[in-house]
Amino acid sequence: MFEADEHRIAVHEAGHVVVGHVEGVPIKGVTLDAEEAEEGFGGVWFPKPTEMTEEDLVSRGRVAWAGSVAESLVFDSALQTSWRADVMLVFELSDEHGQEVGPFYVRDEVKEAARQVLNANRNALDEVTRLLLRHGTVDGEQLTTILDEVVS
């Protein structure tokens, strides 16, 4: 992996982590290691919810879009391939829990909510990105400790 690619992936995954933390979604860990990740280049591990309301699904939508939104904030663009797998995960969750994804998920408001969280917590985004670039994989407990200190 090229260093620039690794940085982009770290920013993308850090976006999921920061918005997930703000949304109250438990985080088990995050990695840049493609072999550890379930969906390709890197990944964040969230526990599978046992129940999911429509609001939970909207929240997961904000978390899903946060990766590409973070890329846009840092690099002024997001790779189309970077958000497709994220979008599909929310559709899979909705199917598993009998919820309709509906048009809310693709509305600009969902992405804008993620953008607002990341703009307000740019220091947290940068800190998680640095951690990932330094360590490659970070567990959920360490992320929570750090985010509790830096998220506003």
N, C-alpha and C. Protein backbone atom coordinates (compact mmCIF):
# COMPACT_ATOMS: atom_id res chain seq x y z
N MET A 1 0.85 -1.17 0.00
CA MET A 1 0.00 0.00 0.00
C MET A 1 0.90 1.24 0.00
N PHE A 2 0.56 2.22 -0.81
CA PHE A 2 1.31 3.46 -0.85
C PHE A 2 0.98 4.29 0.39
N GLU A 3 1.94 5.11 0.81
CA GLU A 3 1.75 5.93 2.01
C GLU A 3 0.54 6.85 1.87
N ALA A 4 0.34 7.44 0.67
CA ALA A 4 -0.81 8.32 0.46
C ALA A 4 -2.12 7.55 0.60
N ASP A 5 -2.15 6.31 0.08
CA ASP A 5 -3.36 5.48 0.21
C ASP A 5 -3.62 5.16 1.68
N GLU A 6 -2.56 4.83 2.41
CA GLU A 6 -2.71 4.49 3.82
C GLU A 6 -3.26 5.69 4.60
N HIS A 7 -2.79 6.88 4.27
CA HIS A 7 -3.28 8.08 4.94
C HIS A 7 -4.76 8.29 4.64
N ARG A 8 -5.15 8.13 3.39
CA ARG A 8 -6.56 8.30 3.01
C ARG A 8 -7.44 7.27 3.74
N ILE A 9 -6.99 6.03 3.80
CA ILE A 9 -7.76 4.99 4.49
C ILE A 9 -7.85 5.30 5.99
N ALA A 10 -6.76 5.78 6.57
CA ALA A 10 -6.77 6.13 8.00
C ALA A 10 -7.77 7.25 8.28
N VAL A 11 -7.79 8.26 7.42
CA VAL A 11 -8.74 9.37 7.58
C VAL A 11 -10.17 8.84 7.45
N HIS A 12 -10.40 8.00 6.45
CA HIS A 12 -11.73 7.44 6.21
C HIS A 12 -12.22 6.67 7.44
N GLU A 13 -11.41 5.76 7.94
CA GLU A 13 -11.81 4.96 9.10
C GLU A 13 -11.95 5.82 10.35
N ALA A 14 -11.08 6.80 10.51
CA ALA A 14 -11.17 7.71 11.65
C ALA A 14 -12.50 8.47 11.62
N GLY A 15 -12.96 8.83 10.44
CA GLY A 15 -14.26 9.49 10.33
C GLY A 15 -15.38 8.64 10.89
N HIS A 16 -15.38 7.35 10.55
CA HIS A 16 -16.38 6.43 11.11
C HIS A 16 -16.28 6.38 12.63
N VAL A 17 -15.06 6.30 13.13
CA VAL A 17 -14.84 6.17 14.57
C VAL A 17 -15.37 7.40 15.32
N VAL A 18 -15.02 8.59 14.85
CA VAL A 18 -15.40 9.81 15.55
C VAL A 18 -16.92 9.99 15.54
N VAL A 19 -17.55 9.84 14.39
CA VAL A 19 -19.00 10.02 14.32
C VAL A 19 -19.69 8.89 15.09
N GLY A 20 -19.16 7.68 15.01
CA GLY A 20 -19.72 6.58 15.78
C GLY A 20 -19.69 6.88 17.27
N HIS A 21 -18.59 7.41 17.75
CA HIS A 21 -18.46 7.76 19.17
C HIS A 21 -19.49 8.82 19.56
N VAL A 22 -19.61 9.85 18.75
CA VAL A 22 -20.57 10.92 19.04
C VAL A 22 -22.00 10.38 19.00
N GLU A 23 -22.28 9.46 18.09
CA GLU A 23 -23.62 8.87 17.97
C GLU A 23 -23.91 7.85 19.07
N GLY A 24 -22.89 7.49 19.85
CA GLY A 24 -23.08 6.52 20.92
C GLY A 24 -23.07 5.07 20.45
N VAL A 25 -22.49 4.84 19.28
CA VAL A 25 -22.39 3.48 18.74
C VAL A 25 -21.12 2.86 19.33
N PRO A 26 -21.23 1.73 20.02
CA PRO A 26 -20.03 1.10 20.59
C PRO A 26 -19.04 0.71 19.48
N ILE A 27 -17.77 0.89 19.77
CA ILE A 27 -16.72 0.58 18.80
C ILE A 27 -15.81 -0.49 19.40
N LYS A 28 -15.64 -1.60 18.69
CA LYS A 28 -14.79 -2.68 19.17
C LYS A 28 -13.33 -2.47 18.78
N GLY A 29 -13.11 -1.75 17.67
CA GLY A 29 -11.76 -1.49 17.21
C GLY A 29 -11.75 -0.99 15.79
N VAL A 30 -10.55 -0.64 15.31
CA VAL A 30 -10.37 -0.14 13.95
C VAL A 30 -9.00 -0.60 13.45
N THR A 31 -8.90 -0.84 12.15
CA THR A 31 -7.63 -1.31 11.58
C THR A 31 -7.40 -0.75 10.18
N LEU A 32 -6.14 -0.69 9.82
CA LEU A 32 -5.75 -0.40 8.44
C LEU A 32 -5.35 -1.69 7.72
N ASP A 33 -5.30 -2.78 8.43
CA ASP A 33 -4.86 -4.06 7.90
C ASP A 33 -5.97 -4.71 7.08
N ALA A 34 -5.76 -4.81 5.78
CA ALA A 34 -6.78 -5.37 4.89
C ALA A 34 -7.10 -6.82 5.24
N GLU A 35 -6.15 -7.57 5.76
CA GLU A 35 -6.41 -8.96 6.12
C GLU A 35 -7.29 -9.06 7.36
N GLU A 36 -7.17 -8.09 8.27
CA GLU A 36 -8.02 -8.08 9.47
C GLU A 36 -9.40 -7.55 9.17
N ALA A 37 -9.47 -6.61 8.22
CA ALA A 37 -10.75 -5.96 7.91
C ALA A 37 -11.65 -6.92 7.15
N GLU A 38 -12.95 -6.80 7.42
CA GLU A 38 -13.91 -7.68 6.76
C GLU A 38 -14.25 -7.21 5.37
N GLU A 39 -14.12 -5.93 5.09
CA GLU A 39 -14.62 -5.36 3.85
C GLU A 39 -13.54 -4.72 2.98
N GLY A 40 -12.30 -5.17 3.02
CA GLY A 40 -11.35 -4.61 2.07
C GLY A 40 -10.15 -3.94 2.68
N PHE A 41 -10.03 -2.64 2.49
CA PHE A 41 -8.79 -1.92 2.81
C PHE A 41 -8.55 -1.74 4.30
N GLY A 42 -9.53 -1.36 5.02
CA GLY A 42 -9.43 -1.13 6.45
C GLY A 42 -10.81 -1.38 7.02
N GLY A 43 -10.97 -1.12 8.28
CA GLY A 43 -12.31 -1.33 8.80
C GLY A 43 -12.45 -0.96 10.26
N VAL A 44 -13.69 -0.65 10.63
CA VAL A 44 -14.07 -0.40 12.01
C VAL A 44 -14.98 -1.54 12.41
N TRP A 45 -14.77 -2.07 13.60
CA TRP A 45 -15.61 -3.15 14.09
C TRP A 45 -16.63 -2.58 15.07
N PHE A 46 -17.88 -2.67 14.69
CA PHE A 46 -18.99 -2.29 15.55
C PHE A 46 -19.71 -3.58 15.93
N PRO A 47 -20.15 -3.72 17.18
CA PRO A 47 -20.94 -4.91 17.51
C PRO A 47 -22.25 -4.89 16.74
N LYS A 48 -22.72 -6.06 16.35
CA LYS A 48 -24.01 -6.15 15.66
C LYS A 48 -25.11 -5.86 16.66
N PRO A 49 -26.00 -4.92 16.34
CA PRO A 49 -27.09 -4.63 17.27
C PRO A 49 -28.11 -5.77 17.30
N THR A 50 -28.69 -5.99 18.47
CA THR A 50 -29.73 -7.02 18.58
C THR A 50 -31.09 -6.46 18.16
N GLU A 51 -31.27 -5.16 18.32
CA GLU A 51 -32.49 -4.48 17.87
C GLU A 51 -32.08 -3.21 17.18
N MET A 52 -32.92 -2.73 16.26
CA MET A 52 -32.59 -1.50 15.57
C MET A 52 -33.87 -0.74 15.23
N THR A 53 -33.97 0.46 15.78
CA THR A 53 -35.11 1.33 15.47
C THR A 53 -34.78 2.14 14.22
N GLU A 54 -35.75 2.87 13.74
CA GLU A 54 -35.50 3.74 12.59
C GLU A 54 -34.44 4.79 12.93
N GLU A 55 -34.50 5.35 14.14
CA GLU A 55 -33.50 6.33 14.54
C GLU A 55 -32.11 5.71 14.62
N ASP A 56 -32.02 4.46 15.09
CA ASP A 56 -30.74 3.75 15.11
C ASP A 56 -30.18 3.64 13.69
N LEU A 57 -31.06 3.35 12.75
CA LEU A 57 -30.65 3.21 11.36
C LEU A 57 -30.17 4.54 10.79
N VAL A 58 -30.86 5.61 11.12
CA VAL A 58 -30.43 6.95 10.68
C VAL A 58 -29.06 7.26 11.27
N SER A 59 -28.88 6.92 12.54
CA SER A 59 -27.59 7.12 13.20
C SER A 59 -26.49 6.34 12.49
N ARG A 60 -26.77 5.08 12.17
CA ARG A 60 -25.78 4.27 11.44
C ARG A 60 -25.52 4.85 10.06
N GLY A 61 -26.53 5.48 9.47
CA GLY A 61 -26.33 6.15 8.19
C GLY A 61 -25.32 7.28 8.31
N ARG A 62 -25.43 8.06 9.37
CA ARG A 62 -24.46 9.14 9.60
C ARG A 62 -23.05 8.57 9.79
N VAL A 63 -22.97 7.48 10.54
CA VAL A 63 -21.67 6.83 10.76
C VAL A 63 -21.12 6.29 9.44
N ALA A 64 -21.97 5.69 8.63
CA ALA A 64 -21.52 5.13 7.36
C ALA A 64 -20.99 6.20 6.42
N TRP A 65 -21.68 7.32 6.33
CA TRP A 65 -21.24 8.39 5.44
C TRP A 65 -20.02 9.12 5.98
N ALA A 66 -19.71 8.99 7.25
CA ALA A 66 -18.62 9.74 7.88
C ALA A 66 -17.26 9.45 7.26
N GLY A 67 -17.05 8.25 6.76
CA GLY A 67 -15.75 7.94 6.15
C GLY A 67 -15.48 8.79 4.92
N SER A 68 -16.43 8.83 4.01
CA SER A 68 -16.21 9.63 2.79
C SER A 68 -16.28 11.12 3.09
N VAL A 69 -17.08 11.52 4.07
CA VAL A 69 -17.13 12.93 4.47
C VAL A 69 -15.76 13.35 5.03
N ALA A 70 -15.15 12.49 5.85
CA ALA A 70 -13.83 12.79 6.40
C ALA A 70 -12.80 12.94 5.27
N GLU A 71 -12.87 12.05 4.28
CA GLU A 71 -11.97 12.19 3.13
C GLU A 71 -12.15 13.53 2.45
N SER A 72 -13.40 13.93 2.27
CA SER A 72 -13.68 15.22 1.61
C SER A 72 -13.12 16.39 2.42
N LEU A 73 -13.24 16.31 3.73
CA LEU A 73 -12.71 17.39 4.58
C LEU A 73 -11.19 17.50 4.49
N VAL A 74 -10.52 16.36 4.49
CA VAL A 74 -9.06 16.35 4.53
C VAL A 74 -8.44 16.48 3.13
N PHE A 75 -9.02 15.80 2.16
CA PHE A 75 -8.43 15.73 0.82
C PHE A 75 -9.22 16.49 -0.25
N ASP A 76 -10.30 17.14 0.13
CA ASP A 76 -11.18 17.86 -0.80
C ASP A 76 -11.91 16.96 -1.77
N SER A 77 -11.86 15.66 -1.56
CA SER A 77 -12.62 14.73 -2.39
C SER A 77 -12.67 13.38 -1.69
N ALA A 78 -13.65 12.57 -2.10
CA ALA A 78 -13.76 11.21 -1.57
C ALA A 78 -13.82 10.26 -2.76
N LEU A 79 -13.15 9.15 -2.65
CA LEU A 79 -13.19 8.16 -3.71
C LEU A 79 -14.56 7.48 -3.70
N GLN A 80 -15.14 7.32 -4.87
CA GLN A 80 -16.47 6.71 -4.96
C GLN A 80 -16.46 5.32 -4.35
N THR A 81 -15.39 4.59 -4.57
CA THR A 81 -15.31 3.22 -4.04
C THR A 81 -15.26 3.21 -2.51
N SER A 82 -14.87 4.34 -1.90
CA SER A 82 -14.71 4.35 -0.45
C SER A 82 -16.04 4.34 0.29
N TRP A 83 -17.12 4.77 -0.33
CA TRP A 83 -18.39 4.80 0.39
C TRP A 83 -19.36 3.71 0.00
N ARG A 84 -19.12 3.04 -1.10
CA ARG A 84 -20.08 2.02 -1.55
C ARG A 84 -20.26 0.89 -0.54
N ALA A 85 -19.16 0.34 -0.04
CA ALA A 85 -19.27 -0.76 0.93
C ALA A 85 -19.93 -0.27 2.21
N ASP A 86 -19.64 0.98 2.60
CA ASP A 86 -20.25 1.54 3.81
C ASP A 86 -21.76 1.64 3.66
N VAL A 87 -22.21 2.08 2.50
CA VAL A 87 -23.64 2.20 2.22
C VAL A 87 -24.30 0.83 2.28
N MET A 88 -23.66 -0.15 1.70
CA MET A 88 -24.24 -1.50 1.66
C MET A 88 -24.40 -2.09 3.07
N LEU A 89 -23.51 -1.76 3.99
CA LEU A 89 -23.63 -2.27 5.35
C LEU A 89 -24.90 -1.78 6.03
N VAL A 90 -25.28 -0.54 5.77
CA VAL A 90 -26.51 -0.02 6.38
C VAL A 90 -27.73 -0.71 5.77
N PHE A 91 -27.69 -0.95 4.46
CA PHE A 91 -28.78 -1.68 3.84
C PHE A 91 -28.89 -3.09 4.42
N GLU A 92 -27.75 -3.75 4.64
CA GLU A 92 -27.77 -5.09 5.24
C GLU A 92 -28.35 -5.05 6.65
N LEU A 93 -27.95 -4.05 7.45
CA LEU A 93 -28.49 -3.92 8.81
C LEU A 93 -30.00 -3.71 8.77
N SER A 94 -30.45 -2.89 7.84
CA SER A 94 -31.89 -2.62 7.76
C SER A 94 -32.65 -3.88 7.40
N ASP A 95 -32.11 -4.68 6.48
CA ASP A 95 -32.75 -5.94 6.12
C ASP A 95 -32.80 -6.90 7.30
N GLU A 96 -31.68 -7.01 8.02
CA GLU A 96 -31.62 -7.92 9.16
C GLU A 96 -32.63 -7.57 10.24
N HIS A 97 -32.97 -6.29 10.36
CA HIS A 97 -33.85 -5.84 11.42
C HIS A 97 -35.22 -5.41 10.92
N GLY A 98 -35.52 -5.72 9.68
CA GLY A 98 -36.84 -5.44 9.14
C GLY A 98 -37.18 -3.97 9.05
N GLN A 99 -36.16 -3.12 8.90
CA GLN A 99 -36.38 -1.68 8.77
C GLN A 99 -36.22 -1.27 7.31
N GLU A 100 -36.99 -0.29 6.91
CA GLU A 100 -36.85 0.28 5.57
C GLU A 100 -35.76 1.35 5.62
N VAL A 101 -34.80 1.26 4.71
CA VAL A 101 -33.78 2.30 4.65
C VAL A 101 -34.42 3.60 4.20
N GLY A 102 -35.22 3.55 3.17
CA GLY A 102 -35.93 4.73 2.71
C GLY A 102 -35.00 5.81 2.18
N PRO A 103 -35.58 6.88 1.72
CA PRO A 103 -34.78 7.93 1.10
C PRO A 103 -33.95 8.74 2.08
N PHE A 104 -34.24 8.67 3.40
CA PHE A 104 -33.49 9.46 4.37
C PHE A 104 -32.01 9.16 4.29
N TYR A 105 -31.68 7.93 3.95
CA TYR A 105 -30.29 7.52 4.02
C TYR A 105 -29.42 8.21 2.98
N VAL A 106 -30.00 8.53 1.85
CA VAL A 106 -29.20 9.15 0.79
C VAL A 106 -29.39 10.66 0.75
N ARG A 107 -30.16 11.20 1.65
CA ARG A 107 -30.36 12.64 1.70
C ARG A 107 -29.08 13.34 2.12
N ASP A 108 -28.94 14.53 1.61
CA ASP A 108 -27.80 15.35 1.98
C ASP A 108 -27.76 15.65 3.47
N GLU A 109 -28.94 15.64 4.13
CA GLU A 109 -28.97 15.94 5.57
C GLU A 109 -28.16 14.92 6.38
N VAL A 110 -28.18 13.68 5.95
CA VAL A 110 -27.44 12.64 6.67
C VAL A 110 -25.94 12.90 6.55
N LYS A 111 -25.50 13.19 5.34
CA LYS A 111 -24.08 13.50 5.14
C LYS A 111 -23.70 14.80 5.84
N GLU A 112 -24.59 15.78 5.78
CA GLU A 112 -24.31 17.07 6.41
C GLU A 112 -24.19 16.92 7.92
N ALA A 113 -25.00 16.07 8.52
CA ALA A 113 -24.90 15.83 9.97
C ALA A 113 -23.53 15.23 10.30
N ALA A 114 -23.06 14.29 9.49
CA ALA A 114 -21.72 13.72 9.71
C ALA A 114 -20.65 14.80 9.53
N ARG A 115 -20.82 15.65 8.54
CA ARG A 115 -19.86 16.74 8.29
C ARG A 115 -19.79 17.69 9.49
N GLN A 116 -20.94 18.03 10.06
CA GLN A 116 -20.96 18.93 11.21
C GLN A 116 -20.23 18.32 12.41
N VAL A 117 -20.45 17.04 12.65
CA VAL A 117 -19.76 16.36 13.75
C VAL A 117 -18.25 16.39 13.51
N LEU A 118 -17.83 16.09 12.29
CA LEU A 118 -16.39 16.04 12.01
C LEU A 118 -15.76 17.43 12.02
N ASN A 119 -16.48 18.43 11.54
CA ASN A 119 -15.95 19.80 11.61
C ASN A 119 -15.78 20.24 13.07
N ALA A 120 -16.74 19.90 13.90
CA ALA A 120 -16.68 20.27 15.31
C ALA A 120 -15.63 19.48 16.08
N ASN A 121 -15.24 18.33 15.52
CA ASN A 121 -14.29 17.44 16.20
C ASN A 121 -13.09 17.11 15.32
N ARG A 122 -12.62 18.11 14.59
CA ARG A 122 -11.49 17.89 13.69
C ARG A 122 -10.26 17.40 14.45
N ASN A 123 -10.07 17.89 15.67
CA ASN A 123 -8.93 17.42 16.47
C ASN A 123 -9.03 15.92 16.76
N ALA A 124 -10.24 15.44 17.01
CA ALA A 124 -10.44 14.01 17.27
C ALA A 124 -10.17 13.21 15.99
N LEU A 125 -10.65 13.71 14.85
CA LEU A 125 -10.40 13.05 13.56
C LEU A 125 -8.89 12.94 13.33
N ASP A 126 -8.18 14.02 13.55
CA ASP A 126 -6.73 14.02 13.34
C ASP A 126 -6.02 13.08 14.32
N GLU A 127 -6.48 13.04 15.56
CA GLU A 127 -5.85 12.18 16.57
C GLU A 127 -6.04 10.70 16.25
N VAL A 128 -7.25 10.32 15.87
CA VAL A 128 -7.50 8.91 15.52
C VAL A 128 -6.72 8.55 14.26
N THR A 129 -6.65 9.46 13.30
CA THR A 129 -5.86 9.21 12.09
C THR A 129 -4.40 8.96 12.45
N ARG A 130 -3.83 9.81 13.31
CA ARG A 130 -2.43 9.62 13.74
C ARG A 130 -2.24 8.28 14.43
N LEU A 131 -3.17 7.92 15.31
CA LEU A 131 -3.08 6.63 16.01
C LEU A 131 -3.06 5.47 15.01
N LEU A 132 -3.95 5.53 14.04
CA LEU A 132 -4.01 4.46 13.05
C LEU A 132 -2.73 4.38 12.23
N LEU A 133 -2.21 5.51 11.83
CA LEU A 133 -0.98 5.51 11.04
C LEU A 133 0.20 5.00 11.86
N ARG A 134 0.17 5.27 13.15
CA ARG A 134 1.26 4.84 14.04
C ARG A 134 1.15 3.35 14.38
N HIS A 135 -0.08 2.86 14.66
CA HIS A 135 -0.25 1.51 15.19
C HIS A 135 -0.91 0.53 14.22
N GLY A 136 -1.62 1.00 13.24
CA GLY A 136 -2.28 0.11 12.28
C GLY A 136 -3.61 -0.42 12.77
N THR A 137 -3.68 -0.85 14.02
CA THR A 137 -4.91 -1.36 14.63
C THR A 137 -5.01 -0.78 16.04
N VAL A 138 -6.21 -0.32 16.38
CA VAL A 138 -6.44 0.26 17.71
C VAL A 138 -7.71 -0.37 18.27
N ASP A 139 -7.67 -0.81 19.52
CA ASP A 139 -8.86 -1.44 20.10
C ASP A 139 -9.86 -0.40 20.59
N GLY A 140 -11.08 -0.85 20.77
CA GLY A 140 -12.18 0.02 21.14
C GLY A 140 -12.00 0.72 22.47
N GLU A 141 -11.43 0.03 23.43
CA GLU A 141 -11.22 0.63 24.75
C GLU A 141 -10.28 1.83 24.66
N GLN A 142 -9.19 1.66 23.91
CA GLN A 142 -8.24 2.76 23.74
C GLN A 142 -8.89 3.92 22.99
N LEU A 143 -9.67 3.61 21.96
CA LEU A 143 -10.36 4.66 21.20
C LEU A 143 -11.32 5.44 22.10
N THR A 144 -12.10 4.71 22.90
CA THR A 144 -13.06 5.37 23.78
C THR A 144 -12.36 6.28 24.77
N THR A 145 -11.27 5.82 25.35
CA THR A 145 -10.51 6.64 26.31
C THR A 145 -10.04 7.93 25.66
N ILE A 146 -9.48 7.82 24.49
CA ILE A 146 -8.96 9.00 23.78
C ILE A 146 -10.09 9.92 23.35
N LEU A 147 -11.14 9.34 22.78
CA LEU A 147 -12.25 10.16 22.28
C LEU A 147 -13.01 10.85 23.41
N ASP A 148 -13.12 10.21 24.54
CA ASP A 148 -13.78 10.84 25.67
C ASP A 148 -13.04 12.14 26.07
N GLU A 149 -11.74 12.18 25.83
CA GLU A 149 -10.94 13.36 26.17
C GLU A 149 -11.01 14.45 25.11
N VAL A 150 -11.13 14.09 23.83
CA VAL A 150 -10.99 15.09 22.77
C VAL A 150 -12.27 15.46 22.03
N VAL A 151 -13.32 14.66 22.16
CA VAL A 151 -14.57 14.97 21.44
C VAL A 151 -15.33 16.04 22.20
N SER A 152 -15.81 17.03 21.43
CA SER A 152 -16.58 18.11 22.08
C SER A 152 -18.07 17.84 22.05
